[in-house]
Amino acid sequence: MARELRDALSSPDFNRLALTGITKRITKPWWNLRWAEHAKPGALFFATVSGRLTPGSGKVPCLYLAQNRETSFEELYGDDIDAAKKRGRTILFTRRDLENRIYLKTAEELTIKLYDLTAAKSAKKIGLDLGTLYTPQVDHPRLYAQRLHDHPARFDGIQYLSRQTQSLCLVLWATHTPSLKRVKMETGPSLWDLTKFDRSLLPGSLRLFDAEIQVAASP
C-alpha cells in the first residue's frame, strides 16, 4: 500500500515549534544553472513554479544553489535523463539550448541562517518525511517551505540534499535579510562548454557530466 504524503501543521501550530537554524558561511563558489536571459543582476531571485522548496504561496522569490555544477544540472534534468534511459533512449538537446543554459556562481562570502534538513531528526521535528520532501507532487514540500519561511526564527532558507546526487543544495529567500538580493554572482560556463566528445558513445551523442546526451542537428 502506498504511503500517504504528510501535511504541514497549520501556521499557528507550526510557529510554536522551537526551531533553531545553522549559521552557514559560504566561502567557495556555489552554483545555479539557468537560462541566460534570466542571468541579470537584480533578477537572481524568482518564485519558480517547479521548485519543491519554493514557498507554496508563490510570492516568495528564491535562489537555488548547488555545491557543484553537476548537481545543479541533475536537479533540472535528472528525471528527464532517467525517463529517457528507461525507454532505451538518450535525452535530446538543441545546441542553442545548451548554449543558453549557463552557470552562475557565487562570487563573495555569504553568511546565512538556514534550517538544515540534512541534520538528524530535523525533518521529523517539523513533521516531514523523505517521501513527502521528494514527492513529484511538489505542493506538499512547498507548504513546508512556506511554514519555514514564515516561522518566527526568520530563516534565510533551507539546506537540503539533492535527491539526484545526494550533494548539498540551498534554497535562499531574501525576505528577512534584504541584502541577499544583492548577492554577487559571476557568469560561468554554459552546458555546451561542458560537453565532451566520447568515442565510446553512438554517433551524435556527447558526454555531459555522467550523462549521455544527443544534440539535434539544428536548433
Protein backbone atom coordinates (compact mmCIF):
# COMPACT_ATOMS: atom_id res chain seq x y z
CA MET A 1 0.00 0.00 0.00
CA ALA A 2 1.34 3.43 -0.96
CA ARG A 3 2.21 5.71 1.90
CA GLU A 4 0.23 8.90 2.26
CA LEU A 5 2.01 12.21 1.94
CA ARG A 6 2.22 14.26 5.09
CA ASP A 7 0.56 17.64 5.52
CA ALA A 8 2.24 20.52 7.32
CA LEU A 9 0.85 21.82 10.58
CA SER A 10 -1.30 24.93 10.49
CA SER A 11 0.64 28.19 10.67
CA PRO A 12 -0.15 28.88 14.37
CA ASP A 13 0.87 25.36 15.41
CA PHE A 14 3.97 25.35 13.22
CA ASN A 15 5.08 28.73 14.59
CA ARG A 16 5.00 27.29 18.10
CA LEU A 17 7.67 24.74 17.19
CA ALA A 18 11.01 25.55 18.81
CA LEU A 19 13.19 25.57 15.70
CA THR A 20 16.83 26.60 15.54
CA GLY A 21 18.90 27.24 12.47
CA ILE A 22 22.52 26.90 11.48
CA THR A 23 24.69 29.84 10.55
CA LYS A 24 26.41 28.88 7.32
CA ARG A 25 29.37 30.77 5.90
CA ILE A 26 29.86 30.33 2.18
CA THR A 27 33.44 30.98 1.09
CA LYS A 28 33.73 28.84 -2.07
CA PRO A 29 31.56 29.12 -5.19
CA TRP A 30 28.07 27.58 -5.17
CA TRP A 31 26.29 27.11 -8.49
CA ASN A 32 23.00 27.94 -10.17
CA LEU A 33 22.07 26.81 -13.70
CA ARG A 34 19.56 28.95 -15.59
CA TRP A 35 18.59 30.41 -18.93
CA ALA A 36 20.95 33.20 -20.00
CA GLU A 37 18.08 35.68 -20.33
CA HIS A 38 17.39 35.29 -16.59
CA ALA A 39 21.00 35.76 -15.52
CA LYS A 40 20.79 39.50 -14.99
CA PRO A 41 21.68 41.35 -11.76
CA GLY A 42 18.57 42.16 -9.80
CA ALA A 43 16.70 39.16 -11.22
CA LEU A 44 18.53 36.35 -9.46
CA PHE A 45 15.64 35.54 -7.13
CA PHE A 46 12.32 34.38 -8.57
CA ALA A 47 9.41 32.20 -7.49
CA THR A 48 9.80 29.16 -9.72
CA VAL A 49 6.67 27.05 -10.11
CA SER A 50 8.64 23.78 -10.15
CA GLY A 51 10.97 24.23 -7.19
CA ARG A 52 9.98 21.85 -4.40
CA LEU A 53 11.18 24.23 -1.68
CA THR A 54 9.77 27.40 -3.15
CA PRO A 55 7.20 28.55 -0.56
CA GLY A 56 3.73 27.48 -1.61
CA SER A 57 2.21 30.97 -1.75
CA GLY A 58 4.13 31.59 -4.97
CA LYS A 59 5.01 35.04 -3.63
CA VAL A 60 8.50 34.37 -2.28
CA PRO A 61 11.37 34.82 -4.77
CA CYS A 62 14.06 32.16 -4.34
CA LEU A 63 17.63 31.47 -5.36
CA TYR A 64 18.60 27.79 -5.62
CA LEU A 65 22.28 26.93 -5.20
CA ALA A 66 24.14 23.63 -5.51
CA GLN A 67 27.52 22.71 -4.11
CA ASN A 68 28.76 21.63 -7.55
CA ARG A 69 27.82 22.10 -11.19
CA GLU A 70 26.77 18.51 -11.81
CA THR A 71 24.19 18.65 -9.02
CA SER A 72 22.72 21.87 -10.40
CA PHE A 73 22.41 20.16 -13.80
CA GLU A 74 20.91 16.96 -12.35
CA GLU A 75 18.36 18.88 -10.31
CA LEU A 76 16.96 20.29 -13.55
CA TYR A 77 17.41 17.36 -15.93
CA GLY A 78 17.92 14.21 -13.84
CA ASP A 79 14.33 13.00 -14.11
CA ASP A 80 14.26 13.55 -17.89
CA ILE A 81 17.55 11.67 -18.31
CA ASP A 82 16.26 8.75 -16.23
CA ALA A 83 12.98 8.62 -18.15
CA ALA A 84 14.87 8.55 -21.46
CA LYS A 85 17.10 5.70 -20.23
CA LYS A 86 14.08 3.63 -19.25
CA ARG A 87 12.77 3.98 -22.80
CA GLY A 88 16.14 2.94 -24.22
CA ARG A 89 16.87 6.45 -25.47
CA THR A 90 19.11 9.38 -24.67
CA ILE A 91 17.87 12.85 -23.84
CA LEU A 92 17.83 15.25 -26.79
CA PHE A 93 19.03 18.87 -26.63
CA THR A 94 19.49 21.51 -29.27
CA ARG A 95 22.84 23.25 -29.37
CA ARG A 96 21.04 26.55 -28.84
CA ASP A 97 19.53 25.32 -25.59
CA LEU A 98 22.90 24.05 -24.37
CA GLU A 99 24.49 27.40 -25.18
CA ASN A 100 21.73 29.31 -23.43
CA ARG A 101 21.78 27.27 -20.21
CA ILE A 102 24.55 28.98 -18.29
CA TYR A 103 26.00 28.72 -14.82
CA LEU A 104 26.17 31.46 -12.27
CA LYS A 105 28.44 31.11 -9.26
CA THR A 106 28.62 33.00 -6.00
CA ALA A 107 31.45 35.49 -6.08
CA GLU A 108 31.54 36.72 -2.50
CA GLU A 109 31.36 35.36 1.02
CA LEU A 110 27.89 34.92 2.44
CA THR A 111 26.74 34.30 6.00
CA ILE A 112 23.20 32.98 6.14
CA LYS A 113 20.82 31.44 8.66
CA LEU A 114 19.31 28.19 7.40
CA TYR A 115 17.01 25.43 8.52
CA ASP A 116 19.15 22.35 7.98
CA LEU A 117 17.14 19.43 6.61
CA THR A 118 20.35 17.38 6.42
CA ALA A 119 20.69 17.27 10.21
CA ALA A 120 19.48 14.25 12.18
CA LYS A 121 15.79 14.45 13.10
CA SER A 122 15.43 17.92 11.51
CA ALA A 123 12.69 16.68 9.14
CA LYS A 124 10.94 14.75 11.91
CA LYS A 125 10.93 17.85 14.07
CA ILE A 126 8.67 19.65 11.60
CA GLY A 127 6.55 16.59 10.79
CA LEU A 128 8.16 15.97 7.41
CA ASP A 129 9.34 12.65 5.96
CA LEU A 130 11.58 11.97 2.95
CA GLY A 131 8.69 10.62 0.89
CA THR A 132 6.88 13.93 1.25
CA LEU A 133 10.03 16.00 0.75
CA TYR A 134 10.92 14.30 -2.54
CA THR A 135 7.48 13.53 -3.95
CA PRO A 136 6.78 14.68 -7.53
CA GLN A 137 3.68 16.38 -6.05
CA VAL A 138 5.67 19.46 -5.10
CA ASP A 139 2.73 21.29 -3.50
CA HIS A 140 3.34 19.21 -0.34
CA PRO A 141 7.00 20.15 0.30
CA ARG A 142 6.25 23.70 -0.86
CA LEU A 143 3.80 24.08 2.02
CA TYR A 144 6.53 23.05 4.47
CA ALA A 145 8.84 25.60 2.84
CA GLN A 146 6.18 28.26 3.34
CA ARG A 147 5.87 27.35 7.02
CA LEU A 148 9.64 27.57 7.48
CA HIS A 149 9.74 30.87 5.62
CA ASP A 150 7.04 32.31 7.88
CA HIS A 151 8.42 30.89 11.15
CA PRO A 152 9.45 33.39 13.86
CA ALA A 153 13.04 32.07 13.65
CA ARG A 154 13.34 34.10 10.41
CA PHE A 155 15.37 31.67 8.32
CA ASP A 156 17.13 32.82 5.16
CA GLY A 157 16.42 29.48 3.53
CA ILE A 158 16.87 25.73 3.75
CA GLN A 159 19.83 23.40 3.38
CA TYR A 160 18.91 20.01 1.91
CA LEU A 161 20.29 17.09 -0.09
CA SER A 162 19.76 16.74 -3.81
CA ARG A 163 17.59 13.70 -4.48
CA GLN A 164 19.62 13.18 -7.66
CA THR A 165 23.22 13.27 -6.38
CA GLN A 166 22.91 13.45 -2.58
CA SER A 167 25.10 16.58 -2.63
CA LEU A 168 24.26 19.69 -0.65
CA CYS A 169 21.83 22.26 -2.04
CA LEU A 170 20.41 25.51 -0.70
CA VAL A 171 17.29 27.49 -1.36
CA LEU A 172 17.61 31.12 -0.26
CA TRP A 173 14.96 33.75 0.43
CA ALA A 174 15.79 37.41 0.84
CA THR A 175 12.70 38.18 2.92
CA HIS A 176 14.38 38.54 6.30
CA THR A 177 17.80 39.66 5.02
CA PRO A 178 17.08 42.02 2.11
CA SER A 179 20.81 42.43 1.38
CA LEU A 180 20.76 38.88 -0.04
CA LYS A 181 19.03 40.26 -3.12
CA ARG A 182 22.31 41.99 -3.94
CA VAL A 183 24.39 38.82 -3.74
CA LYS A 184 27.21 38.98 -6.27
CA MET A 185 27.15 36.21 -8.88
CA GLU A 186 29.62 35.66 -11.71
CA THR A 187 28.88 34.06 -15.06
CA GLY A 188 30.41 30.65 -15.58
CA PRO A 189 30.35 28.19 -18.50
CA SER A 190 27.33 27.10 -20.49
CA LEU A 191 26.25 23.48 -20.75
CA TRP A 192 27.62 23.48 -24.30
CA ASP A 193 31.04 24.46 -22.96
CA LEU A 194 30.99 21.39 -20.71
CA THR A 195 30.03 18.78 -23.31
CA LYS A 196 32.73 16.28 -24.23
CA PHE A 197 33.27 14.00 -27.20
CA ASP A 198 33.41 10.33 -26.16
CA ARG A 199 34.42 7.72 -28.75
CA SER A 200 32.53 5.04 -26.82
CA LEU A 201 29.19 6.75 -27.48
CA LEU A 202 27.00 6.41 -30.54
CA PRO A 203 27.40 8.99 -33.34
CA GLY A 204 25.56 12.20 -32.49
CA SER A 205 25.98 11.69 -28.74
CA LEU A 206 28.10 13.68 -26.31
CA ARG A 207 29.04 13.30 -22.67
CA LEU A 208 27.73 15.89 -20.22
CA PHE A 209 28.93 15.04 -16.72
CA ASP A 210 27.88 11.37 -16.38
CA ALA A 211 25.00 11.67 -18.82
CA GLU A 212 24.90 10.66 -22.48
CA ILE A 213 23.01 13.27 -24.49
CA GLN A 214 22.13 13.77 -28.13
CA VAL A 215 22.36 17.12 -29.85
CA ALA A 216 19.89 17.90 -32.60
CA ALA A 217 21.39 18.80 -35.96
CA SER A 218 19.54 22.13 -35.96
CA PRO A 219 18.00 24.39 -33.25
